[in-house]
Amino acid sequence: MIMRPIYLVAVLALGAPHPASAAPDLDAQRAETYSTLGMQLAAEERFAEALDEFRRAEQLIEHVSLPGVLYGNIGFCLVKLGRDREALAAFRAGEARSESADMRARLARNAREIEARLFARLTVRCDVEATVAVGETPPVPCPVKRRLLEAGRYTLRGQSTEGISTVGEVDLVAGSSSEFDLSFPAGLRVESTAPGIVRVDDEPRGRTPLELADLDVGSHRVVVEPDDGLPWEATIEARPGRWVEVDARPEPAPEDGMVWVYVGIGAAAVAGIAAVWLVSVDEPAPVMRVTVEE
């Protein structure tokens, strides 16, 4: 879209007296003089000089009948001079002060054209209810829709409503629109009636009590191996941004047990004789008799 000069409209607009008075006072006359001279210079494409005259009129802005037009002319000259950021501020100032809906629309359109050149737009979606901080800005609810940002690399810091965090990075290019899907891990908390090692999918992850906030989403096998007792296990289903609470209750080791004891004699010493005894831990081992054939 081509930005059209506003000063062509301003020739007639600034000729009207200030609405607060039937006859323009001295400041209003000076503002009109500066503005008229600025428009003449702009028509001759002497934009730096025109800008100086419009800036003089701006010092008397309270006496300008149509301030939106003046700010539009300032912005137009700044664009021609390659000073887009200043032009953007001028167009936005004019949009805020203009009393004409048509002029506000024109100034807003010019501002959007500059924003499209200078900035990037970013949309962030989350797979859970969460907040997102883009760069150093405060966190806001996700999704973030078409946020206007300077070009560059940004770190995205998300936090689910249950307090599970995730981080992402995105590179933004001026004049472009980017979309980013921020995925959250699951969390796991394990408590146990008997202290011990926690394994997740056969991988040791720490001792009880244990809290993990980097669990992959999906099904997992959780095993608690107590220091004294029998292993306890369960299968869990982990969801993004949510905690899974596990309360393990391992069974104690049996007080009485049976132990297999293997006793053998090598063939070099005694030909083909071996015995296997099942011994109770509470009873003395029986005498083992071996007969050797001559």
Protein backbone atom coordinates (compact mmCIF):
# COMPACT_ATOMS: atom_id res chain seq x y z
CA MET A 1 0.00 0.00 0.00
CA ILE A 2 1.37 3.46 -0.92
CA MET A 3 1.35 6.09 1.82
CA ARG A 4 -0.30 9.25 0.49
CA PRO A 5 0.69 12.72 1.73
CA ILE A 6 -1.69 14.36 4.13
CA TYR A 7 -0.51 17.90 3.48
CA LEU A 8 -2.66 18.09 0.32
CA VAL A 9 -5.72 18.06 2.56
CA ALA A 10 -4.15 20.32 5.15
CA VAL A 11 -4.05 23.41 2.91
CA LEU A 12 -7.72 24.02 3.51
CA ALA A 13 -7.91 22.47 6.93
CA LEU A 14 -5.55 24.87 8.64
CA GLY A 15 -7.21 27.88 7.11
CA ALA A 16 -10.16 27.63 9.49
CA PRO A 17 -10.11 29.71 12.68
CA HIS A 18 -9.62 27.99 16.02
CA PRO A 19 -13.02 26.81 17.31
CA ALA A 20 -12.45 28.50 20.69
CA SER A 21 -12.52 31.95 19.12
CA ALA A 22 -14.26 33.70 16.19
CA ALA A 23 -10.99 35.40 15.26
CA PRO A 24 -7.73 33.52 15.56
CA ASP A 25 -5.37 34.90 18.20
CA LEU A 26 -1.71 35.58 17.60
CA ASP A 27 -0.53 32.02 18.42
CA ALA A 28 -3.12 30.53 16.09
CA GLN A 29 -1.96 32.85 13.32
CA ARG A 30 1.65 31.84 13.90
CA ALA A 31 0.74 28.13 13.89
CA GLU A 32 -1.14 28.62 10.63
CA THR A 33 1.80 30.46 9.11
CA TYR A 34 4.26 27.72 10.06
CA SER A 35 1.94 25.03 8.77
CA THR A 36 1.27 26.78 5.48
CA LEU A 37 4.99 27.31 4.90
CA GLY A 38 5.63 23.68 5.77
CA MET A 39 3.08 22.52 3.21
CA GLN A 40 4.64 24.69 0.53
CA LEU A 41 8.10 23.26 1.25
CA ALA A 42 6.74 19.71 1.27
CA ALA A 43 5.11 20.28 -2.10
CA GLU A 44 8.56 21.23 -3.39
CA GLU A 45 9.93 18.00 -1.81
CA ARG A 46 12.06 20.03 0.61
CA PHE A 47 11.05 17.68 3.40
CA ALA A 48 13.70 18.56 6.01
CA GLU A 49 12.78 22.25 5.84
CA ALA A 50 9.08 21.43 5.81
CA LEU A 51 9.54 19.31 8.92
CA ASP A 52 11.16 22.24 10.73
CA GLU A 53 8.13 24.42 10.01
CA PHE A 54 5.68 21.72 11.09
CA ARG A 55 7.64 21.25 14.31
CA ARG A 56 7.35 24.99 14.99
CA ALA A 57 3.61 24.71 14.55
CA GLU A 58 3.61 21.71 16.90
CA GLN A 59 4.95 23.95 19.67
CA LEU A 60 1.64 25.79 19.40
CA ILE A 61 -0.45 22.61 19.06
CA GLU A 62 -3.16 23.88 21.39
CA HIS A 63 -3.89 26.60 18.86
CA VAL A 64 -4.02 24.32 15.81
CA SER A 65 -7.57 23.70 14.64
CA LEU A 66 -6.88 20.20 13.27
CA PRO A 67 -3.90 18.68 15.17
CA GLY A 68 -4.39 15.31 13.49
CA VAL A 69 -3.59 16.86 10.11
CA LEU A 70 -0.46 18.54 11.50
CA TYR A 71 0.85 15.31 12.99
CA GLY A 72 0.06 13.55 9.74
CA ASN A 73 2.18 16.06 7.86
CA ILE A 74 5.02 15.63 10.36
CA GLY A 75 4.83 11.87 9.93
CA PHE A 76 4.79 12.12 6.15
CA CYS A 77 7.96 14.24 6.11
CA LEU A 78 9.69 11.86 8.49
CA VAL A 79 8.86 8.92 6.23
CA LYS A 80 10.34 10.77 3.26
CA LEU A 81 13.47 11.40 5.33
CA GLY A 82 13.76 7.70 6.22
CA ARG A 83 12.93 8.21 9.90
CA ASP A 84 10.19 5.63 10.16
CA ARG A 85 10.19 5.21 13.93
CA GLU A 86 9.65 8.92 14.50
CA ALA A 87 7.01 8.90 11.79
CA LEU A 88 5.18 6.08 13.54
CA ALA A 89 5.07 8.10 16.77
CA ALA A 90 3.74 11.14 14.86
CA PHE A 91 0.98 9.14 13.16
CA ARG A 92 -0.08 7.61 16.46
CA ALA A 93 -0.11 11.05 18.13
CA GLY A 94 -2.27 12.41 15.33
CA GLU A 95 -4.61 9.43 15.55
CA ALA A 96 -5.09 10.11 19.26
CA ARG A 97 -5.78 13.84 18.81
CA SER A 98 -7.77 13.90 15.60
CA GLU A 99 -11.46 14.76 15.82
CA SER A 100 -12.23 13.34 12.38
CA ALA A 101 -12.99 9.62 12.02
CA ASP A 102 -11.74 9.69 8.45
CA MET A 103 -8.45 11.30 9.45
CA ARG A 104 -8.00 8.85 12.32
CA ALA A 105 -8.46 5.98 9.87
CA ARG A 106 -5.88 7.44 7.48
CA LEU A 107 -3.34 7.98 10.25
CA ALA A 108 -3.93 4.49 11.64
CA ARG A 109 -3.41 2.99 8.18
CA ASN A 110 -0.13 4.86 7.78
CA ALA A 111 1.01 3.67 11.21
CA ARG A 112 0.20 0.06 10.36
CA GLU A 113 2.22 0.30 7.14
CA ILE A 114 5.28 1.41 9.11
CA GLU A 115 4.76 -1.26 11.76
CA ALA A 116 4.64 -3.92 9.07
CA ARG A 117 8.07 -2.80 7.85
CA LEU A 118 9.77 -2.28 11.21
CA PHE A 119 8.39 -5.04 13.38
CA ALA A 120 7.46 -8.70 13.43
CA ARG A 121 4.24 -10.23 14.68
CA LEU A 122 4.25 -13.28 16.93
CA THR A 123 1.46 -15.68 17.85
CA VAL A 124 2.08 -18.22 20.62
CA ARG A 125 -0.18 -21.20 21.29
CA CYS A 126 0.02 -23.56 24.30
CA ASP A 127 -1.18 -27.13 24.69
CA VAL A 128 -2.48 -26.38 28.21
CA GLU A 129 -3.91 -23.43 30.12
CA ALA A 130 -0.86 -21.33 30.89
CA THR A 131 0.85 -17.94 30.91
CA VAL A 132 3.73 -16.92 28.63
CA ALA A 133 6.47 -14.32 29.03
CA VAL A 134 7.98 -13.19 25.72
CA GLY A 135 11.54 -12.00 26.27
CA GLU A 136 11.69 -9.69 29.28
CA THR A 137 8.00 -8.76 29.19
CA PRO A 138 5.64 -9.77 32.03
CA PRO A 139 3.73 -13.04 31.55
CA VAL A 140 0.32 -12.89 29.88
CA PRO A 141 -2.35 -15.57 29.34
CA CYS A 142 -1.76 -17.94 26.45
CA PRO A 143 -2.51 -17.79 23.53
CA VAL A 144 -0.57 -14.65 22.61
CA LYS A 145 -2.12 -13.28 19.42
CA ARG A 146 -0.09 -11.31 16.88
CA ARG A 147 2.13 -9.51 19.39
CA LEU A 148 4.07 -6.71 17.72
CA LEU A 149 7.80 -7.08 18.47
CA GLU A 150 11.19 -5.87 17.36
CA ALA A 151 13.08 -8.27 15.11
CA GLY A 152 15.46 -10.63 16.90
CA ARG A 153 15.62 -13.79 19.02
CA TYR A 154 13.19 -14.19 21.91
CA THR A 155 12.99 -16.67 24.76
CA LEU A 156 9.46 -17.83 25.55
CA ARG A 157 8.87 -18.88 29.16
CA GLY A 158 5.62 -20.69 29.83
CA GLN A 159 4.08 -21.80 33.10
CA SER A 160 1.00 -23.98 33.41
CA THR A 161 -1.69 -23.33 35.97
CA GLU A 162 -0.19 -26.16 38.05
CA GLY A 163 3.24 -24.53 38.05
CA ILE A 164 5.04 -26.66 35.47
CA SER A 165 7.42 -24.63 33.31
CA THR A 166 8.71 -24.87 29.77
CA VAL A 167 11.02 -22.75 27.60
CA GLY A 168 11.21 -22.13 23.85
CA GLU A 169 13.07 -19.81 21.49
CA VAL A 170 11.94 -18.07 18.34
CA ASP A 171 13.71 -15.88 15.76
CA LEU A 172 11.63 -13.00 14.42
CA VAL A 173 12.28 -11.17 11.14
CA ALA A 174 11.07 -7.63 10.53
CA GLY A 175 8.01 -7.51 8.32
CA SER A 176 7.05 -11.14 8.99
CA SER A 177 4.48 -13.01 11.06
CA SER A 178 5.50 -16.09 13.07
CA GLU A 179 3.56 -18.74 14.97
CA PHE A 180 5.00 -20.86 17.79
CA ASP A 181 3.48 -23.87 19.56
CA LEU A 182 4.76 -24.07 23.15
CA SER A 183 4.62 -27.64 24.49
CA PHE A 184 4.65 -28.48 28.18
CA PRO A 185 6.11 -31.55 29.92
CA ALA A 186 4.34 -33.41 32.71
CA GLY A 187 5.28 -33.53 36.37
CA LEU A 188 5.69 -36.49 38.75
CA ARG A 189 5.69 -36.50 42.55
CA VAL A 190 6.50 -39.74 44.35
CA GLU A 191 6.00 -40.35 48.07
CA SER A 192 6.72 -43.71 49.68
CA THR A 193 6.09 -45.35 53.05
CA ALA A 194 9.60 -46.79 52.76
CA PRO A 195 12.53 -44.70 51.46
CA GLY A 196 14.20 -45.95 48.33
CA ILE A 197 15.18 -45.43 44.70
CA VAL A 198 12.62 -44.39 42.08
CA ARG A 199 12.91 -45.74 38.56
CA VAL A 200 10.88 -44.37 35.67
CA ASP A 201 10.82 -46.70 32.68
CA ASP A 202 13.78 -48.58 34.23
CA GLU A 203 15.86 -45.40 34.54
CA PRO A 204 16.86 -44.33 38.07
CA ARG A 205 15.64 -40.77 38.69
CA GLY A 206 16.36 -40.23 42.38
CA ARG A 207 15.21 -41.15 45.85
CA THR A 208 11.91 -40.65 47.59
CA PRO A 209 10.42 -38.20 48.17
CA LEU A 210 10.94 -37.24 44.53
CA GLU A 211 9.65 -34.42 42.32
CA LEU A 212 10.26 -34.31 38.55
CA ALA A 213 8.99 -31.55 36.28
CA ASP A 214 10.44 -32.80 32.99
CA LEU A 215 8.49 -35.98 32.36
CA ASP A 216 7.54 -36.82 28.79
CA VAL A 217 3.82 -36.88 28.12
CA GLY A 218 2.36 -40.40 27.90
CA SER A 219 2.43 -43.71 29.78
CA HIS A 220 5.27 -44.55 32.18
CA ARG A 221 6.18 -47.43 34.49
CA VAL A 222 7.17 -46.19 37.94
CA VAL A 223 9.02 -48.53 40.31
CA VAL A 224 10.04 -47.79 43.90
CA GLU A 225 12.84 -50.01 45.19
CA PRO A 226 12.87 -49.57 48.97
CA ASP A 227 16.02 -49.89 50.99
CA ASP A 228 14.28 -52.61 53.01
CA GLY A 229 11.28 -54.26 51.42
CA LEU A 230 9.81 -55.50 48.19
CA PRO A 231 9.72 -53.40 45.01
CA TRP A 232 6.49 -51.50 44.33
CA GLU A 233 5.37 -50.47 40.85
CA ALA A 234 2.56 -48.72 39.00
CA THR A 235 1.77 -47.48 35.48
CA ILE A 236 0.88 -43.80 35.19
CA GLU A 237 -0.51 -41.58 32.43
CA ALA A 238 1.29 -38.22 32.27
CA ARG A 239 -0.50 -35.21 30.75
CA PRO A 240 1.08 -31.91 29.64
CA GLY A 241 1.35 -29.25 32.32
CA ARG A 242 -0.16 -31.51 35.00
CA TRP A 243 1.25 -33.28 38.06
CA VAL A 244 0.88 -37.01 38.67
CA GLU A 245 0.87 -37.85 42.38
CA VAL A 246 2.17 -41.32 43.30
CA ASP A 247 1.83 -42.71 46.84
CA ALA A 248 3.93 -45.87 46.92
CA ARG A 249 3.41 -48.46 49.69
CA PRO A 250 6.06 -51.17 49.32
CA GLU A 251 5.50 -54.43 51.19
CA PRO A 252 8.09 -55.22 53.89
CA ALA A 253 10.52 -58.05 53.29
CA PRO A 254 9.32 -61.41 54.76
CA GLU A 255 10.73 -62.24 58.19
CA ASP A 256 10.95 -66.00 57.46
CA GLY A 257 12.15 -67.31 54.13
CA MET A 258 13.53 -70.26 52.26
CA VAL A 259 16.96 -70.16 50.74
CA TRP A 260 18.22 -72.49 48.07
CA VAL A 261 21.73 -73.74 48.86
CA TYR A 262 23.69 -75.51 46.17
CA VAL A 263 26.50 -77.86 47.21
CA GLY A 264 28.54 -79.73 44.64
CA ILE A 265 31.62 -81.78 44.34
CA GLY A 266 33.61 -81.58 41.15
CA ALA A 267 33.99 -84.66 38.97
CA ALA A 268 37.76 -84.57 39.36
CA ALA A 269 37.41 -85.25 43.13
CA VAL A 270 34.33 -87.46 43.30
CA ALA A 271 32.87 -89.03 40.20
CA GLY A 272 29.37 -87.81 39.34
CA ILE A 273 28.10 -87.03 42.89
CA ALA A 274 26.32 -83.79 43.82
CA ALA A 275 23.58 -82.85 46.23
CA VAL A 276 21.14 -79.94 46.44
CA TRP A 277 19.63 -79.10 49.80
CA LEU A 278 16.66 -76.95 50.60
CA VAL A 279 17.48 -75.44 53.96
CA SER A 280 15.18 -73.48 56.25
CA VAL A 281 16.83 -70.39 57.64
CA ASP A 282 15.38 -71.22 61.02
CA GLU A 283 16.73 -74.79 61.22
CA PRO A 284 20.29 -76.14 61.31
CA ALA A 285 21.55 -77.57 58.07
CA PRO A 286 21.42 -81.37 57.95
CA VAL A 287 24.58 -83.44 57.80
CA MET A 288 25.47 -84.19 54.22
CA ARG A 289 26.71 -87.75 53.61
CA VAL A 290 28.55 -88.63 50.45
CA THR A 291 29.30 -92.25 49.39
CA VAL A 292 32.26 -92.82 47.14
CA GLU A 293 32.36 -96.03 45.12
CA GLU A 294 35.72 -97.78 44.85
